[in-house]
């Protein structure tokens, strides 16, 4: 019921990149799942911790809590650089509508911190004009739909998984919209 992922990479820009992830279902016999993902390199880092209770209510409504921290130095020169860091906390519920379909709704909080530097894009310079301290906050609202027709969650051999989601974030004086889609199809290559 668990999965461990390890990864490493190298590039001339980022140098060494290390990835670590662990996902455990039915952690400590509670029926809940716990996930941790970490990625680190010289200029980009992220940390995500999530917890899902698939049986939050007797009606089968699931609850997911997630915390993430991301930091990046998008453009590096010998003269200097700028840094962008985001901390986010979210709460999502999954509501079953049929045996295969589930609707997701959630709310979150994001804190963005921009440390000024050289070679910043115009949009970030304008942002600093409105926020001299380089900080702002967003409150994203998410809505999504998923359909899961896989024959097994642990070892699927046929079926599909489809997910669509949208996110609307509003802050002190800014707004954004983000969309996402995921599609997976499972099929056997042979009898084994």
Protein backbone atom coordinates (compact mmCIF):
# COMPACT_ATOMS: atom_id res chain seq x y z
CA UNK A 1 0.00 0.00 0.00
CA UNK A 2 3.03 2.28 -0.04
CA UNK A 3 5.25 3.82 -2.68
CA UNK A 4 8.76 5.24 -2.41
CA UNK A 5 10.34 7.32 -5.17
CA UNK A 6 13.94 8.45 -5.41
CA UNK A 7 15.49 10.47 -8.19
CA UNK A 8 18.58 12.40 -9.15
CA UNK A 9 19.55 14.52 -12.10
CA UNK A 10 22.24 16.88 -13.29
CA UNK A 11 22.25 19.90 -15.57
CA UNK A 12 24.79 22.59 -16.33
CA UNK A 13 22.42 25.24 -14.95
CA UNK A 14 20.88 23.59 -11.88
CA UNK A 15 23.80 21.26 -11.14
CA UNK A 16 22.63 18.33 -8.97
CA UNK A 17 18.88 17.80 -8.48
CA UNK A 18 17.56 15.35 -5.88
CA UNK A 19 13.98 14.09 -5.54
CA UNK A 20 12.40 12.07 -2.74
CA UNK A 21 8.80 10.99 -2.31
CA UNK A 22 6.86 8.63 -0.10
CA UNK A 23 3.16 7.80 -0.26
CA UNK A 24 1.61 5.50 2.32
CA UNK A 25 -2.04 4.41 2.23
CA UNK A 26 -3.67 3.14 5.42
CA UNK A 27 -0.95 4.82 7.47
CA UNK A 28 -0.83 3.49 11.05
CA UNK A 29 -3.95 1.43 10.27
CA UNK A 30 -6.19 4.52 10.13
CA UNK A 31 -7.35 4.14 6.52
CA UNK A 32 -5.86 7.55 5.76
CA UNK A 33 -3.03 8.24 3.31
CA UNK A 34 0.02 10.37 3.97
CA UNK A 35 2.34 11.73 1.29
CA UNK A 36 5.63 13.62 1.32
CA UNK A 37 7.49 14.96 -1.73
CA UNK A 38 10.76 16.86 -1.66
CA UNK A 39 12.82 18.20 -4.56
CA UNK A 40 15.94 20.27 -4.18
CA UNK A 41 18.49 21.81 -6.51
CA UNK A 42 20.71 24.86 -6.48
CA UNK A 43 17.94 27.22 -7.66
CA UNK A 44 14.58 25.42 -7.26
CA UNK A 45 13.18 23.66 -4.20
CA UNK A 46 9.80 22.37 -3.14
CA UNK A 47 8.30 20.49 -0.23
CA UNK A 48 4.75 19.05 -0.21
CA UNK A 49 3.07 17.25 2.70
CA UNK A 50 -0.46 15.90 2.22
CA UNK A 51 -2.96 13.86 4.20
CA UNK A 52 -6.16 12.31 2.78
CA UNK A 53 -8.98 10.75 4.77
CA UNK A 54 -11.04 8.85 2.15
CA UNK A 55 -13.84 8.17 4.65
CA UNK A 56 -14.11 11.56 6.34
CA UNK A 57 -17.90 11.07 6.59
CA UNK A 58 -20.07 7.97 6.57
CA UNK A 59 -21.40 9.06 3.13
CA UNK A 60 -17.94 8.60 1.56
CA UNK A 61 -16.88 12.26 1.45
CA UNK A 62 -13.09 12.50 1.48
CA UNK A 63 -10.98 15.25 3.02
CA UNK A 64 -7.47 16.29 1.94
CA UNK A 65 -5.13 18.65 3.78
CA UNK A 66 -2.01 19.84 1.99
CA UNK A 67 0.89 22.11 2.87
CA UNK A 68 3.54 23.15 0.35
CA UNK A 69 6.59 25.39 0.23
CA UNK A 70 8.21 26.33 -3.07
CA UNK A 71 11.19 28.59 -3.67
CA UNK A 72 12.96 29.43 -6.89
CA UNK A 73 15.65 31.71 -8.21
CA UNK A 74 14.40 32.00 -11.81
CA UNK A 75 17.28 33.93 -13.37
CA UNK A 76 20.85 33.88 -12.08
CA UNK A 77 23.72 36.11 -13.15
CA UNK A 78 27.06 37.01 -11.62
CA UNK A 79 25.66 40.45 -10.71
CA UNK A 80 22.69 39.17 -8.71
CA UNK A 81 19.34 37.42 -8.77
CA UNK A 82 15.82 37.55 -7.40
CA UNK A 83 13.99 34.92 -5.36
CA UNK A 84 10.35 33.87 -5.28
CA UNK A 85 8.94 31.83 -2.36
CA UNK A 86 5.39 30.54 -1.91
CA UNK A 87 3.82 28.87 1.12
CA UNK A 88 0.40 27.32 0.62
CA UNK A 89 -2.16 25.50 2.76
CA UNK A 90 -5.31 23.94 1.30
CA UNK A 91 -8.37 21.98 2.39
CA UNK A 92 -10.33 19.94 -0.21
CA UNK A 93 -13.37 17.70 -0.04
CA UNK A 94 -14.27 14.97 -2.51
CA UNK A 95 -18.00 14.31 -2.85
CA UNK A 96 -19.09 11.04 -4.55
CA UNK A 97 -21.89 11.42 -7.10
CA UNK A 98 -21.83 7.87 -8.45
CA UNK A 99 -19.69 4.77 -8.17
CA UNK A 100 -17.24 6.28 -10.69
CA UNK A 101 -17.70 10.07 -10.39
CA UNK A 102 -16.53 12.45 -7.68
CA UNK A 103 -16.69 16.26 -7.41
CA UNK A 104 -14.01 18.19 -5.52
CA UNK A 105 -14.36 21.56 -3.79
CA UNK A 106 -11.76 23.33 -1.69
CA UNK A 107 -10.34 26.51 -0.29
CA UNK A 108 -6.77 27.51 0.43
CA UNK A 109 -4.31 30.15 1.49
CA UNK A 110 -1.14 31.22 -0.35
CA UNK A 111 1.55 33.61 0.85
CA UNK A 112 3.95 34.90 -1.81
CA UNK A 113 7.25 36.55 -0.94
CA UNK A 114 9.41 38.17 -3.63
CA UNK A 115 12.99 39.12 -2.75
CA UNK A 116 14.06 41.72 -5.32
CA UNK A 117 17.16 41.38 -7.43
CA UNK A 118 18.52 42.09 -10.88
CA UNK A 119 17.04 41.03 -14.23
CA UNK A 120 13.47 40.82 -12.91
CA UNK A 121 10.65 40.71 -15.49
CA UNK A 122 8.54 43.84 -15.89
CA UNK A 123 5.55 42.16 -14.24
CA UNK A 124 7.52 41.58 -11.03
CA UNK A 125 8.83 45.17 -11.04
CA UNK A 126 5.21 46.36 -11.32
CA UNK A 127 4.30 44.01 -8.47
CA UNK A 128 6.97 45.63 -6.28
CA UNK A 129 5.50 49.03 -7.16
CA UNK A 130 2.22 47.93 -5.58
CA UNK A 131 3.84 45.83 -2.80
CA UNK A 132 7.14 47.44 -1.74
CA UNK A 133 7.73 44.69 0.84
CA UNK A 134 7.40 42.04 -1.91
CA UNK A 135 4.63 40.15 -0.08
CA UNK A 136 1.03 39.33 -0.93
CA UNK A 137 -1.60 36.73 -0.08
CA UNK A 138 -4.15 34.78 -2.10
CA UNK A 139 -7.21 32.72 -1.17
CA UNK A 140 -7.75 30.16 -3.94
CA UNK A 141 -11.07 28.36 -4.40
CA UNK A 142 -10.92 25.07 -6.31
CA UNK A 143 -13.58 23.02 -8.09
CA UNK A 144 -12.97 19.75 -9.90
CA UNK A 145 -14.46 16.54 -11.25
CA UNK A 146 -12.93 13.08 -11.53
CA UNK A 147 -14.09 9.81 -13.10
CA UNK A 148 -12.24 6.62 -12.18
CA UNK A 149 -13.11 3.41 -14.06
CA UNK A 150 -9.87 1.51 -13.35
CA UNK A 151 -10.28 -2.16 -12.45
CA UNK A 152 -7.85 -1.82 -9.50
CA UNK A 153 -6.37 1.10 -7.58
CA UNK A 154 -3.16 -0.75 -6.69
CA UNK A 155 -2.45 -2.60 -9.94
CA UNK A 156 -4.74 -1.44 -12.76
CA UNK A 157 -4.74 -3.35 -16.05
CA UNK A 158 -7.67 -1.65 -17.80
CA UNK A 159 -9.94 1.35 -17.43
CA UNK A 160 -9.29 5.07 -17.30
CA UNK A 161 -8.89 7.98 -14.93
CA UNK A 162 -10.03 11.48 -15.94
CA UNK A 163 -9.75 14.63 -13.86
CA UNK A 164 -10.64 18.27 -14.63
CA UNK A 165 -10.11 21.11 -12.20
CA UNK A 166 -10.23 24.88 -12.01
CA UNK A 167 -8.88 27.31 -9.48
CA UNK A 168 -9.81 30.93 -8.85
CA UNK A 169 -7.51 32.90 -6.56
CA UNK A 170 -8.28 36.32 -5.17
CA UNK A 171 -5.95 38.44 -3.09
CA UNK A 172 -5.45 41.95 -1.81
CA UNK A 173 -5.51 43.52 -5.26
CA UNK A 174 -4.89 40.69 -7.69
CA UNK A 175 -6.72 37.69 -9.14
CA UNK A 176 -5.78 34.64 -11.16
CA UNK A 177 -7.43 31.67 -12.82
CA UNK A 178 -5.78 28.28 -13.35
CA UNK A 179 -7.13 25.20 -15.16
CA UNK A 180 -5.86 21.64 -15.26
CA UNK A 181 -6.69 18.30 -16.85
CA UNK A 182 -5.41 14.76 -16.45
CA UNK A 183 -6.18 11.64 -18.47
CA UNK A 184 -4.83 8.12 -17.95
CA UNK A 185 -5.77 5.01 -19.94
CA UNK A 186 -4.79 1.52 -18.83
CA UNK A 187 -4.60 -1.49 -21.13
CA UNK A 188 -2.77 -4.83 -21.16
CA UNK A 189 0.10 -5.44 -23.53
CA UNK A 190 -0.37 -9.20 -23.24
CA UNK A 191 -1.89 -11.91 -21.07
CA UNK A 192 0.81 -11.38 -18.43
